[in-house]
Amino acid sequence: MLGAAALLLTWRERQVRWWIVLSVVAILGEGLASMAYFWPRNEIMFVEGLAAHSPEYLTQVAHEFQTWHWRTRMGFNVVAAVAFVGFLRVYRLRWQPGTATTAEGTAGA
């Protein structure tokens, strides 16, 4: 919700737009990965548990969860953090106009 609001409020700023889109896509991707991959494993480990699965299988599922947690969630968080550049550019463009970056990446006059 806040990502969509940020995107709408900053859409006119070309230097910012795609950074914000990247951030929103990373957040949505993390949510979809959680629903598709992590939620079923949580149900296996914490709802069904030993009543439905062997200890060996639960250990395997826990290992899969940990492995993919570091790969996917951390990856999405890194992308979202990098996309924070867009918010920094909004700040520079709107509240510090003398420090906006040009196309060459140098500080403006």
C-alpha atoms as a PDB file:
ATOM      1  CA  MET A   1       0.000   0.000   0.000  1.00  0.00           C
ATOM      2  CA  LEU A   2       2.735   2.460   0.956  1.00  0.00           C
ATOM      3  CA  GLY A   3       4.821   1.357  -2.020  1.00  0.00           C
ATOM      4  CA  ALA A   4       1.933   2.127  -4.370  1.00  0.00           C
ATOM      5  CA  ALA A   5       1.459   5.512  -2.702  1.00  0.00           C
ATOM      6  CA  ALA A   6       5.172   6.290  -3.059  1.00  0.00           C
ATOM      7  CA  LEU A   7       5.031   5.295  -6.701  1.00  0.00           C
ATOM      8  CA  LEU A   8       2.036   7.523  -7.397  1.00  0.00           C
ATOM      9  CA  LEU A   9       3.517  10.485  -5.549  1.00  0.00           C
ATOM     10  CA  THR A  10       6.865  10.274  -7.345  1.00  0.00           C
ATOM     11  CA  TRP A  11       5.764   9.180 -10.826  1.00  0.00           C
ATOM     12  CA  ARG A  12       6.573  12.577 -12.397  1.00  0.00           C
ATOM     13  CA  GLU A  13      10.235  12.313 -11.411  1.00  0.00           C
ATOM     14  CA  ARG A  14      11.958  10.293 -14.147  1.00  0.00           C
ATOM     15  CA  GLN A  15      15.162   9.866 -12.149  1.00  0.00           C
ATOM     16  CA  VAL A  16      13.162   8.331  -9.326  1.00  0.00           C
ATOM     17  CA  ARG A  17      10.357   6.391 -10.983  1.00  0.00           C
ATOM     18  CA  TRP A  18      12.153   3.152 -11.814  1.00  0.00           C
ATOM     19  CA  TRP A  19      13.960   2.990  -8.476  1.00  0.00           C
ATOM     20  CA  ILE A  20      10.576   3.062  -6.749  1.00  0.00           C
ATOM     21  CA  VAL A  21       9.167   0.497  -9.197  1.00  0.00           C
ATOM     22  CA  LEU A  22      12.146  -1.751  -8.417  1.00  0.00           C
ATOM     23  CA  SER A  23      11.461  -1.398  -4.704  1.00  0.00           C
ATOM     24  CA  VAL A  24       7.761  -2.222  -5.076  1.00  0.00           C
ATOM     25  CA  VAL A  25       8.541  -5.237  -7.292  1.00  0.00           C
ATOM     26  CA  ALA A  26      11.061  -6.524  -4.728  1.00  0.00           C
ATOM     27  CA  ILE A  27       8.526  -6.219  -1.915  1.00  0.00           C
ATOM     28  CA  LEU A  28       5.822  -7.956  -3.967  1.00  0.00           C
ATOM     29  CA  GLY A  29       8.278 -10.653  -5.030  1.00  0.00           C
ATOM     30  CA  GLU A  30       9.227 -11.345  -1.438  1.00  0.00           C
ATOM     31  CA  GLY A  31       5.576 -11.646  -0.491  1.00  0.00           C
ATOM     32  CA  LEU A  32       4.822 -14.018  -3.372  1.00  0.00           C
ATOM     33  CA  ALA A  33       7.882 -16.144  -2.582  1.00  0.00           C
ATOM     34  CA  SER A  34       6.752 -16.348   1.036  1.00  0.00           C
ATOM     35  CA  MET A  35       3.261 -17.466   0.086  1.00  0.00           C
ATOM     36  CA  ALA A  36       4.443 -19.982  -2.506  1.00  0.00           C
ATOM     37  CA  TYR A  37       7.465 -21.438  -0.725  1.00  0.00           C
ATOM     38  CA  PHE A  38       7.721 -20.523   2.956  1.00  0.00           C
ATOM     39  CA  TRP A  39       4.108 -20.733   4.114  1.00  0.00           C
ATOM     40  CA  PRO A  40       3.672 -24.373   3.062  1.00  0.00           C
ATOM     41  CA  ARG A  41       6.894 -25.314   4.859  1.00  0.00           C
ATOM     42  CA  ASN A  42       5.770 -23.488   7.978  1.00  0.00           C
ATOM     43  CA  GLU A  43       2.549 -25.494   7.891  1.00  0.00           C
ATOM     44  CA  ILE A  44       4.472 -28.759   7.514  1.00  0.00           C
ATOM     45  CA  MET A  45       6.810 -27.915  10.399  1.00  0.00           C
ATOM     46  CA  PHE A  46       4.494 -26.176  12.856  1.00  0.00           C
ATOM     47  CA  VAL A  47       0.921 -27.260  12.099  1.00  0.00           C
ATOM     48  CA  GLU A  48       1.233 -30.825  10.822  1.00  0.00           C
ATOM     49  CA  GLY A  49       4.487 -31.605  12.645  1.00  0.00           C
ATOM     50  CA  LEU A  50       5.344 -35.055  13.936  1.00  0.00           C
ATOM     51  CA  ALA A  51       1.710 -36.158  13.771  1.00  0.00           C
ATOM     52  CA  ALA A  52       1.916 -36.254   9.962  1.00  0.00           C
ATOM     53  CA  HIS A  53       5.642 -36.403   9.111  1.00  0.00           C
ATOM     54  CA  SER A  54       8.775 -38.236  10.160  1.00  0.00           C
ATOM     55  CA  PRO A  55      11.544 -36.400  12.044  1.00  0.00           C
ATOM     56  CA  GLU A  56      13.839 -36.887   9.031  1.00  0.00           C
ATOM     57  CA  TYR A  57      11.353 -35.196   6.707  1.00  0.00           C
ATOM     58  CA  LEU A  58      10.843 -32.319   9.139  1.00  0.00           C
ATOM     59  CA  THR A  59      14.615 -31.872   9.335  1.00  0.00           C
ATOM     60  CA  GLN A  60      14.794 -31.787   5.520  1.00  0.00           C
ATOM     61  CA  VAL A  61      11.983 -29.218   5.329  1.00  0.00           C
ATOM     62  CA  ALA A  62      13.663 -27.072   8.005  1.00  0.00           C
ATOM     63  CA  HIS A  63      16.932 -27.187   6.058  1.00  0.00           C
ATOM     64  CA  GLU A  64      15.137 -26.186   2.831  1.00  0.00           C
ATOM     65  CA  PHE A  65      13.456 -23.326   4.664  1.00  0.00           C
ATOM     66  CA  GLN A  66      16.729 -22.002   6.078  1.00  0.00           C
ATOM     67  CA  THR A  67      18.603 -22.342   2.796  1.00  0.00           C
ATOM     68  CA  TRP A  68      15.970 -20.571   0.757  1.00  0.00           C
ATOM     69  CA  HIS A  69      15.376 -17.988   3.449  1.00  0.00           C
ATOM     70  CA  TRP A  70      18.915 -16.715   3.099  1.00  0.00           C
ATOM     71  CA  ARG A  71      18.851 -16.846  -0.690  1.00  0.00           C
ATOM     72  CA  THR A  72      15.451 -15.389  -1.512  1.00  0.00           C
ATOM     73  CA  ARG A  73      14.457 -13.146   1.351  1.00  0.00           C
ATOM     74  CA  MET A  74      17.904 -11.670   1.731  1.00  0.00           C
ATOM     75  CA  GLY A  75      18.101 -11.194  -2.038  1.00  0.00           C
ATOM     76  CA  PHE A  76      14.774  -9.358  -2.146  1.00  0.00           C
ATOM     77  CA  ASN A  77      15.821  -7.234   0.822  1.00  0.00           C
ATOM     78  CA  VAL A  78      19.076  -6.301  -0.883  1.00  0.00           C
ATOM     79  CA  VAL A  79      17.154  -5.236  -4.003  1.00  0.00           C
ATOM     80  CA  ALA A  80      14.727  -3.202  -1.893  1.00  0.00           C
ATOM     81  CA  ALA A  81      17.627  -1.554  -0.064  1.00  0.00           C
ATOM     82  CA  VAL A  82      19.349  -0.666  -3.329  1.00  0.00           C
ATOM     83  CA  ALA A  83      16.050   0.750  -4.581  1.00  0.00           C
ATOM     84  CA  PHE A  84      16.154   3.144  -1.636  1.00  0.00           C
ATOM     85  CA  VAL A  85      18.318   5.245  -3.959  1.00  0.00           C
ATOM     86  CA  GLY A  86      15.029   6.377  -5.491  1.00  0.00           C
ATOM     87  CA  PHE A  87      13.874   7.834  -2.202  1.00  0.00           C
ATOM     88  CA  LEU A  88      17.201   9.615  -1.791  1.00  0.00           C
ATOM     89  CA  ARG A  89      16.779  11.104  -5.246  1.00  0.00           C
ATOM     90  CA  VAL A  90      13.285  12.311  -4.376  1.00  0.00           C
ATOM     91  CA  TYR A  91      14.723  14.034  -1.344  1.00  0.00           C
ATOM     92  CA  ARG A  92      17.463  15.685  -3.376  1.00  0.00           C
ATOM     93  CA  LEU A  93      15.124  16.737  -6.191  1.00  0.00           C
ATOM     94  CA  ARG A  94      12.361  18.154  -4.023  1.00  0.00           C
ATOM     95  CA  TRP A  95      13.980  19.411  -0.845  1.00  0.00           C
ATOM     96  CA  GLN A  96      17.571  20.052  -1.865  1.00  0.00           C
ATOM     97  CA  PRO A  97      17.328  21.257  -5.466  1.00  0.00           C
ATOM     98  CA  GLY A  98      20.938  22.466  -5.546  1.00  0.00           C
ATOM     99  CA  THR A  99      22.228  18.930  -4.920  1.00  0.00           C
ATOM    100  CA  ALA A 100      20.226  16.996  -7.523  1.00  0.00           C
ATOM    101  CA  THR A 101      22.345  14.689  -9.627  1.00  0.00           C
ATOM    102  CA  THR A 102      22.599  15.203 -13.351  1.00  0.00           C
ATOM    103  CA  ALA A 103      22.625  12.493 -16.011  1.00  0.00           C
ATOM    104  CA  GLU A 104      26.415  12.268 -15.646  1.00  0.00           C
ATOM    105  CA  GLY A 105      26.053  11.576 -11.903  1.00  0.00           C
ATOM    106  CA  THR A 106      27.749  14.773 -10.729  1.00  0.00           C
ATOM    107  CA  ALA A 107      26.215  17.233  -8.309  1.00  0.00           C
ATOM    108  CA  GLY A 108      24.230  20.026  -9.915  1.00  0.00           C
ATOM    109  CA  ALA A 109      25.012  23.689  -9.412  1.00  0.00           C
END
